[in-house]
Amino acid sequence: MKKIILGFLAVLIVFSLAACSSGKEKTAFDCIQESPAAKMELPDGKSTYVDSEIASLRSLADLRIQPSPLEPADSEDDWIYRIVFNPAEKVTGTNEIIVSFHKAYVQLDTEYYLPADGVSYDSILKWAEGKFDYFLK
């Protein structure tokens, strides 16, 4: 009887581990939704940290953007707004997620995103502009 119970428990453990490991890996957008803090930066060097009102910035994950098949022609340094989620100065034990807003696309770490069909890029820049106006001015 002991062997049957141990065998059953072994099978149960194997199935449990398989179920856990087959779970969907978190995306950068999932990590943004869970981020406890962010650093907002402007090209002129102005910056601020956001933690108590971070939910306002987490809505970035709800913007309707999709991966771009092509790499943009401008330089990565030509950004208008930048948000660093999980900044190392405030959050330990996680990776920073850098989101840069450019003139015609969004860069999330090393990936490039364009607006989804039916969404104007101006509305995405307006979202960023509104957040920066609120937190930096």
N, C-alpha and C. Protein backbone atom coordinates (compact mmCIF):
# COMPACT_ATOMS: atom_id res chain seq x y z
N MET A 1 0.82 -1.19 0.00
CA MET A 1 0.00 0.00 0.00
C MET A 1 0.87 1.26 0.00
N LYS A 2 1.96 1.24 0.78
CA LYS A 2 2.86 2.36 0.86
C LYS A 2 3.46 2.66 -0.52
N LYS A 3 3.83 1.62 -1.26
CA LYS A 3 4.43 1.79 -2.58
C LYS A 3 3.42 2.41 -3.55
N ILE A 4 2.18 2.04 -3.46
CA ILE A 4 1.14 2.59 -4.35
C ILE A 4 0.95 4.08 -4.05
N ILE A 5 0.90 4.43 -2.78
CA ILE A 5 0.73 5.83 -2.41
C ILE A 5 1.93 6.65 -2.85
N LEU A 6 3.15 6.14 -2.63
CA LEU A 6 4.35 6.85 -3.06
C LEU A 6 4.39 6.99 -4.58
N GLY A 7 4.00 5.96 -5.28
CA GLY A 7 3.95 6.02 -6.75
C GLY A 7 2.95 7.06 -7.22
N PHE A 8 1.79 7.06 -6.59
CA PHE A 8 0.76 8.04 -6.94
C PHE A 8 1.24 9.46 -6.67
N LEU A 9 1.90 9.69 -5.53
CA LEU A 9 2.44 11.01 -5.21
C LEU A 9 3.52 11.44 -6.20
N ALA A 10 4.36 10.50 -6.61
CA ALA A 10 5.41 10.80 -7.58
C ALA A 10 4.79 11.25 -8.90
N VAL A 11 3.76 10.54 -9.36
CA VAL A 11 3.08 10.89 -10.60
C VAL A 11 2.41 12.26 -10.46
N LEU A 12 1.80 12.50 -9.32
CA LEU A 12 1.14 13.78 -9.07
C LEU A 12 2.15 14.93 -9.09
N ILE A 13 3.31 14.73 -8.51
CA ILE A 13 4.35 15.76 -8.50
C ILE A 13 4.85 16.04 -9.91
N VAL A 14 5.06 14.99 -10.69
CA VAL A 14 5.53 15.16 -12.06
C VAL A 14 4.51 15.95 -12.87
N PHE A 15 3.23 15.64 -12.75
CA PHE A 15 2.19 16.37 -13.47
C PHE A 15 2.10 17.82 -12.99
N SER A 16 2.27 18.05 -11.71
CA SER A 16 2.23 19.41 -11.18
C SER A 16 3.38 20.25 -11.73
N LEU A 17 4.57 19.67 -11.75
CA LEU A 17 5.73 20.39 -12.29
C LEU A 17 5.56 20.67 -13.78
N ALA A 18 5.02 19.72 -14.50
CA ALA A 18 4.79 19.92 -15.93
C ALA A 18 3.78 21.04 -16.16
N ALA A 19 2.75 21.09 -15.36
CA ALA A 19 1.74 22.14 -15.50
C ALA A 19 2.33 23.51 -15.21
N CYS A 20 3.19 23.59 -14.20
CA CYS A 20 3.81 24.87 -13.85
C CYS A 20 4.78 25.32 -14.93
N SER A 21 5.56 24.43 -15.45
CA SER A 21 6.57 24.82 -16.42
C SER A 21 5.97 25.12 -17.78
N SER A 22 4.77 24.62 -18.06
CA SER A 22 4.16 24.90 -19.36
C SER A 22 3.39 26.21 -19.35
N GLY A 23 3.40 26.93 -18.22
CA GLY A 23 2.70 28.20 -18.13
C GLY A 23 3.32 29.23 -19.06
N LYS A 24 2.53 30.17 -19.50
CA LYS A 24 2.98 31.20 -20.43
C LYS A 24 4.01 32.10 -19.75
N GLU A 25 5.10 32.35 -20.46
CA GLU A 25 6.14 33.22 -19.94
C GLU A 25 5.65 34.66 -19.94
N LYS A 26 6.05 35.42 -18.94
CA LYS A 26 5.61 36.82 -18.83
C LYS A 26 6.22 37.65 -19.94
N THR A 27 5.40 38.53 -20.49
CA THR A 27 5.89 39.47 -21.49
C THR A 27 6.36 40.74 -20.79
N ALA A 28 7.00 41.62 -21.55
CA ALA A 28 7.42 42.91 -20.99
C ALA A 28 6.19 43.70 -20.54
N PHE A 29 5.08 43.55 -21.28
CA PHE A 29 3.85 44.26 -20.90
C PHE A 29 3.30 43.72 -19.57
N ASP A 30 3.43 42.41 -19.33
CA ASP A 30 3.02 41.85 -18.04
C ASP A 30 3.88 42.44 -16.92
N CYS A 31 5.18 42.55 -17.17
CA CYS A 31 6.09 43.10 -16.16
C CYS A 31 5.81 44.58 -15.90
N ILE A 32 5.42 45.31 -16.95
CA ILE A 32 5.04 46.72 -16.77
C ILE A 32 3.83 46.80 -15.85
N GLN A 33 2.85 45.93 -16.06
CA GLN A 33 1.64 45.94 -15.22
C GLN A 33 1.96 45.67 -13.76
N GLU A 34 3.06 44.95 -13.49
CA GLU A 34 3.43 44.60 -12.11
C GLU A 34 4.49 45.52 -11.52
N SER A 35 5.00 46.44 -12.31
CA SER A 35 6.09 47.29 -11.88
C SER A 35 5.69 48.18 -10.70
N PRO A 36 6.52 48.23 -9.65
CA PRO A 36 6.20 49.08 -8.49
C PRO A 36 6.67 50.52 -8.64
N ALA A 37 7.55 50.79 -9.61
CA ALA A 37 8.08 52.14 -9.76
C ALA A 37 8.56 52.36 -11.20
N ALA A 38 8.68 53.63 -11.56
CA ALA A 38 9.18 54.00 -12.88
C ALA A 38 9.95 55.30 -12.78
N LYS A 39 10.84 55.49 -13.73
CA LYS A 39 11.57 56.75 -13.86
C LYS A 39 11.19 57.35 -15.20
N MET A 40 10.73 58.59 -15.19
CA MET A 40 10.34 59.28 -16.41
C MET A 40 11.44 60.27 -16.76
N GLU A 41 11.87 60.24 -18.04
CA GLU A 41 12.99 61.07 -18.46
C GLU A 41 12.66 61.85 -19.73
N LEU A 42 13.21 63.06 -19.81
CA LEU A 42 13.14 63.88 -21.01
C LEU A 42 14.55 64.03 -21.57
N PRO A 43 14.69 64.27 -22.87
CA PRO A 43 16.02 64.39 -23.47
C PRO A 43 16.88 65.51 -22.85
N ASP A 44 16.25 66.54 -22.28
CA ASP A 44 17.02 67.65 -21.69
C ASP A 44 17.59 67.31 -20.32
N GLY A 45 17.36 66.08 -19.85
CA GLY A 45 17.91 65.66 -18.56
C GLY A 45 16.93 65.70 -17.41
N LYS A 46 15.76 66.31 -17.59
CA LYS A 46 14.76 66.32 -16.52
C LYS A 46 14.26 64.91 -16.31
N SER A 47 14.04 64.56 -15.04
CA SER A 47 13.50 63.23 -14.74
C SER A 47 12.79 63.26 -13.40
N THR A 48 11.97 62.25 -13.18
CA THR A 48 11.28 62.09 -11.91
C THR A 48 10.96 60.62 -11.72
N TYR A 49 10.83 60.23 -10.47
CA TYR A 49 10.42 58.86 -10.15
C TYR A 49 8.93 58.84 -9.81
N VAL A 50 8.28 57.79 -10.21
CA VAL A 50 6.86 57.61 -9.92
C VAL A 50 6.70 56.26 -9.23
N ASP A 51 6.12 56.29 -8.05
CA ASP A 51 5.82 55.00 -7.39
C ASP A 51 4.41 54.99 -6.81
N SER A 52 4.03 56.01 -6.09
CA SER A 52 2.70 55.99 -5.47
C SER A 52 1.58 56.07 -6.50
N GLU A 53 1.84 56.69 -7.65
CA GLU A 53 0.82 56.80 -8.70
C GLU A 53 1.21 55.98 -9.93
N ILE A 54 1.93 54.89 -9.72
CA ILE A 54 2.43 54.06 -10.83
C ILE A 54 1.30 53.48 -11.68
N ALA A 55 0.12 53.28 -11.12
CA ALA A 55 -0.99 52.72 -11.89
C ALA A 55 -1.28 53.56 -13.13
N SER A 56 -1.06 54.86 -13.03
CA SER A 56 -1.28 55.75 -14.17
C SER A 56 -0.36 55.39 -15.33
N LEU A 57 0.87 55.02 -15.04
CA LEU A 57 1.83 54.65 -16.09
C LEU A 57 1.65 53.22 -16.57
N ARG A 58 1.13 52.36 -15.73
CA ARG A 58 0.91 50.97 -16.13
C ARG A 58 -0.06 50.87 -17.30
N SER A 59 -0.87 51.90 -17.50
CA SER A 59 -1.82 51.86 -18.61
C SER A 59 -1.10 51.84 -19.96
N LEU A 60 0.20 52.05 -19.97
CA LEU A 60 0.99 51.89 -21.19
C LEU A 60 0.76 50.50 -21.79
N ALA A 61 0.63 49.52 -20.95
CA ALA A 61 0.42 48.15 -21.43
C ALA A 61 -0.90 47.99 -22.16
N ASP A 62 -1.81 48.94 -21.98
CA ASP A 62 -3.11 48.87 -22.66
C ASP A 62 -3.13 49.61 -24.00
N LEU A 63 -2.05 50.33 -24.32
CA LEU A 63 -2.00 51.03 -25.61
C LEU A 63 -2.04 50.00 -26.74
N ARG A 64 -2.70 50.36 -27.80
CA ARG A 64 -2.85 49.44 -28.93
C ARG A 64 -1.68 49.59 -29.88
N ILE A 65 -0.57 48.91 -29.52
CA ILE A 65 0.61 48.90 -30.38
C ILE A 65 0.94 47.45 -30.72
N GLN A 66 1.64 47.27 -31.84
CA GLN A 66 1.99 45.92 -32.28
C GLN A 66 3.44 45.92 -32.73
N PRO A 67 4.10 44.77 -32.66
CA PRO A 67 5.50 44.71 -33.08
C PRO A 67 5.67 45.16 -34.53
N SER A 68 6.75 45.88 -34.77
CA SER A 68 7.06 46.36 -36.12
C SER A 68 7.94 45.35 -36.82
N PRO A 69 7.64 45.04 -38.07
CA PRO A 69 8.48 44.08 -38.80
C PRO A 69 9.82 44.68 -39.22
N LEU A 70 9.93 46.00 -39.23
CA LEU A 70 11.14 46.66 -39.69
C LEU A 70 11.76 47.51 -38.60
N GLU A 71 13.07 47.63 -38.66
CA GLU A 71 13.77 48.51 -37.73
C GLU A 71 13.70 49.93 -38.27
N PRO A 72 13.41 50.91 -37.42
CA PRO A 72 13.29 52.30 -37.90
C PRO A 72 14.63 52.87 -38.37
N ALA A 73 14.54 53.93 -39.16
CA ALA A 73 15.74 54.53 -39.74
C ALA A 73 16.44 55.50 -38.80
N ASP A 74 15.72 56.06 -37.82
CA ASP A 74 16.36 57.04 -36.94
C ASP A 74 17.19 56.35 -35.86
N SER A 75 17.93 57.14 -35.12
CA SER A 75 18.80 56.63 -34.07
C SER A 75 17.99 56.34 -32.80
N GLU A 76 18.47 55.38 -32.02
CA GLU A 76 17.80 55.07 -30.75
C GLU A 76 17.87 56.24 -29.79
N ASP A 77 18.80 57.17 -30.02
CA ASP A 77 18.95 58.34 -29.14
C ASP A 77 18.00 59.46 -29.48
N ASP A 78 17.22 59.30 -30.53
CA ASP A 78 16.27 60.33 -30.97
C ASP A 78 14.90 60.17 -30.33
N TRP A 79 14.86 59.94 -29.04
CA TRP A 79 13.57 59.75 -28.37
C TRP A 79 13.05 61.08 -27.85
N ILE A 80 11.74 61.10 -27.69
CA ILE A 80 11.06 62.31 -27.19
C ILE A 80 10.76 62.17 -25.70
N TYR A 81 10.29 60.98 -25.31
CA TYR A 81 9.98 60.65 -23.91
C TYR A 81 10.55 59.27 -23.64
N ARG A 82 10.95 59.04 -22.38
CA ARG A 82 11.43 57.70 -22.01
C ARG A 82 10.94 57.38 -20.60
N ILE A 83 10.46 56.15 -20.44
CA ILE A 83 10.03 55.65 -19.14
C ILE A 83 10.82 54.38 -18.85
N VAL A 84 11.45 54.33 -17.70
CA VAL A 84 12.18 53.14 -17.27
C VAL A 84 11.36 52.51 -16.15
N PHE A 85 10.74 51.38 -16.44
CA PHE A 85 9.99 50.65 -15.42
C PHE A 85 10.99 49.79 -14.65
N ASN A 86 10.77 49.64 -13.35
CA ASN A 86 11.67 48.91 -12.45
C ASN A 86 13.08 49.52 -12.47
N PRO A 87 13.21 50.85 -12.30
CA PRO A 87 14.55 51.44 -12.34
C PRO A 87 15.43 50.86 -11.23
N ALA A 88 16.67 50.57 -11.58
CA ALA A 88 17.59 49.92 -10.64
C ALA A 88 17.76 50.72 -9.35
N GLU A 89 17.62 52.06 -9.44
CA GLU A 89 17.79 52.90 -8.25
C GLU A 89 16.66 52.70 -7.23
N LYS A 90 15.54 52.19 -7.68
CA LYS A 90 14.36 52.05 -6.81
C LYS A 90 13.93 50.60 -6.61
N VAL A 91 14.17 49.73 -7.59
CA VAL A 91 13.66 48.37 -7.55
C VAL A 91 14.82 47.39 -7.72
N THR A 92 14.95 46.47 -6.78
CA THR A 92 16.01 45.47 -6.88
C THR A 92 15.42 44.11 -7.22
N GLY A 93 16.22 43.29 -7.83
CA GLY A 93 15.80 41.91 -8.12
C GLY A 93 14.96 41.74 -9.38
N THR A 94 14.82 42.79 -10.19
CA THR A 94 14.08 42.69 -11.45
C THR A 94 14.86 43.40 -12.54
N ASN A 95 14.48 43.16 -13.75
CA ASN A 95 15.12 43.83 -14.89
C ASN A 95 14.42 45.14 -15.20
N GLU A 96 15.21 46.13 -15.59
CA GLU A 96 14.63 47.38 -16.06
C GLU A 96 13.96 47.13 -17.41
N ILE A 97 12.86 47.82 -17.64
CA ILE A 97 12.17 47.79 -18.93
C ILE A 97 12.17 49.23 -19.43
N ILE A 98 12.87 49.48 -20.53
CA ILE A 98 13.00 50.84 -21.05
C ILE A 98 12.05 51.01 -22.22
N VAL A 99 11.18 52.01 -22.09
CA VAL A 99 10.21 52.33 -23.14
C VAL A 99 10.53 53.74 -23.63
N SER A 100 10.88 53.84 -24.93
CA SER A 100 11.20 55.13 -25.54
C SER A 100 10.15 55.46 -26.59
N PHE A 101 9.68 56.69 -26.52
CA PHE A 101 8.71 57.18 -27.50
C PHE A 101 9.47 58.03 -28.51
N HIS A 102 9.42 57.64 -29.77
CA HIS A 102 10.09 58.35 -30.85
C HIS A 102 9.04 59.09 -31.68
N LYS A 103 9.45 59.73 -32.77
CA LYS A 103 8.52 60.51 -33.60
C LYS A 103 7.46 59.64 -34.27
N ALA A 104 7.79 58.38 -34.58
CA ALA A 104 6.83 57.56 -35.33
C ALA A 104 6.67 56.14 -34.80
N TYR A 105 7.33 55.82 -33.68
CA TYR A 105 7.24 54.47 -33.14
C TYR A 105 7.60 54.46 -31.65
N VAL A 106 7.30 53.34 -31.01
CA VAL A 106 7.66 53.12 -29.61
C VAL A 106 8.71 52.02 -29.58
N GLN A 107 9.75 52.21 -28.79
CA GLN A 107 10.75 51.16 -28.62
C GLN A 107 10.64 50.64 -27.20
N LEU A 108 10.47 49.34 -27.07
CA LEU A 108 10.40 48.69 -25.78
C LEU A 108 11.60 47.77 -25.70
N ASP A 109 12.59 48.15 -24.89
CA ASP A 109 13.89 47.49 -24.85
C ASP A 109 14.47 47.47 -26.26
N THR A 110 14.63 46.31 -26.89
CA THR A 110 15.22 46.25 -28.23
C THR A 110 14.17 46.00 -29.31
N GLU A 111 12.90 46.01 -28.94
CA GLU A 111 11.83 45.76 -29.91
C GLU A 111 11.15 47.08 -30.30
N TYR A 112 10.67 47.14 -31.52
CA TYR A 112 10.01 48.33 -32.04
C TYR A 112 8.52 48.05 -32.24
N TYR A 113 7.70 49.05 -31.93
CA TYR A 113 6.25 48.90 -32.01
C TYR A 113 5.63 50.07 -32.78
N LEU A 114 4.59 49.74 -33.54
CA LEU A 114 3.82 50.72 -34.28
C LEU A 114 2.38 50.65 -33.80
N PRO A 115 1.59 51.69 -34.08
CA PRO A 115 0.18 51.63 -33.66
C PRO A 115 -0.56 50.51 -34.41
N ALA A 116 -1.52 49.91 -33.73
CA ALA A 116 -2.36 48.89 -34.36
C ALA A 116 -3.25 49.57 -35.40
N ASP A 117 -3.83 48.76 -36.27
CA ASP A 117 -4.73 49.30 -37.29
C ASP A 117 -5.82 50.13 -36.64
N GLY A 118 -6.08 51.29 -37.21
CA GLY A 118 -7.14 52.16 -36.70
C GLY A 118 -6.71 53.07 -35.57
N VAL A 119 -5.44 52.99 -35.16
CA VAL A 119 -4.94 53.83 -34.07
C VAL A 119 -3.92 54.80 -34.66
N SER A 120 -4.07 56.08 -34.36
CA SER A 120 -3.09 57.05 -34.86
C SER A 120 -1.93 57.12 -33.86
N TYR A 121 -0.74 57.28 -34.40
CA TYR A 121 0.42 57.39 -33.52
C TYR A 121 0.34 58.65 -32.67
N ASP A 122 -0.31 59.68 -33.20
CA ASP A 122 -0.48 60.92 -32.43
C ASP A 122 -1.19 60.67 -31.10
N SER A 123 -2.15 59.74 -31.10
CA SER A 123 -2.86 59.44 -29.85
C SER A 123 -1.93 58.78 -28.84
N ILE A 124 -0.98 58.01 -29.31
CA ILE A 124 0.00 57.38 -28.41
C ILE A 124 0.93 58.44 -27.85
N LEU A 125 1.39 59.35 -28.71
CA LEU A 125 2.24 60.44 -28.21
C LEU A 125 1.48 61.36 -27.26
N LYS A 126 0.19 61.56 -27.51
CA LYS A 126 -0.63 62.38 -26.60
C LYS A 126 -0.72 61.73 -25.22
N TRP A 127 -0.82 60.39 -25.19
CA TRP A 127 -0.84 59.66 -23.92
C TRP A 127 0.45 59.97 -23.16
N ALA A 128 1.60 59.81 -23.85
CA ALA A 128 2.89 60.05 -23.21
C ALA A 128 3.03 61.51 -22.78
N GLU A 129 2.65 62.42 -23.66
CA GLU A 129 2.74 63.85 -23.35
C GLU A 129 1.91 64.19 -22.11
N GLY A 130 0.72 63.64 -22.01
CA GLY A 130 -0.13 63.90 -20.86
C GLY A 130 0.50 63.40 -19.56
N LYS A 131 1.10 62.21 -19.61
CA LYS A 131 1.74 61.67 -18.41
C LYS A 131 2.94 62.53 -18.01
N PHE A 132 3.76 62.93 -19.00
CA PHE A 132 4.93 63.74 -18.69
C PHE A 132 4.53 65.13 -18.21
N ASP A 133 3.50 65.72 -18.80
CA ASP A 133 3.03 67.02 -18.33
C ASP A 133 2.58 66.92 -16.87
N TYR A 134 1.89 65.86 -16.53
CA TYR A 134 1.38 65.69 -15.18
C TYR A 134 2.52 65.49 -14.16
N PHE A 135 3.44 64.59 -14.48
CA PHE A 135 4.46 64.23 -13.50
C PHE A 135 5.69 65.13 -13.49
N LEU A 136 6.01 65.78 -14.60
CA LEU A 136 7.23 66.58 -14.65
C LEU A 136 6.99 68.09 -14.60
N LYS A 137 5.75 68.50 -14.65
CA LYS A 137 5.51 69.95 -14.62
C LYS A 137 4.67 70.34 -13.44
